[in-house]
Amino acid sequence: MLTRSFLTGRPMSSGIEQMERLFDHLVGPAVGAGAPRFAAPALNIAEDHETYVVEAELPGLTLDEVEVFVANDELTIRGTRTIETPENTRTLRRERAAGAFERTITLPGAVETDAVEASLRDGVLTVRLPKAAALRPRRIEIRPATA
């Protein structure tokens, strides 16, 4: 069945092609013929009373391929994913993305930059960012009122 694209009005040969064109329209086309689209890692961000915790999916990356920077209230995760093709092989399909990436997020508040810790385990980067002392809850002692 031949349909027309709602974006371009041109005939399209399949629903898959239409979805690919819609995706290209939303995020931009892939670079190079057949190159996979590369996106920054997916993140989870949580907090408790004392710490922000950021987890980033980085499957297949090693410690040497990832950098973490903290400045003011921003966290930057930067890296490069390489995929090597063994000699005497021909790539038939490549969906795993390769290349450089950088992701910067603004944290909800200031952090103690000297106490930030990062670890990489099973393809998940975990960054623990202690909140600045001024942001941490402080218990206030209540004294009896004097007359």
Foldseek 3Di string as FASTA:
>chain_A
DWDAAPVPRHIDDDPVVNVLVVVCVVPNDAPDPQAADDDFWDWDWDDDLWKIKIKTFAPPDDPVFWDWDDDFQKIKIKGWADDDDDPPDDDPHDHDHTGIDMDMDGHPHGFDRVPWDWDADNRMIMIITTHDPVRHDDDDDDDDDDD
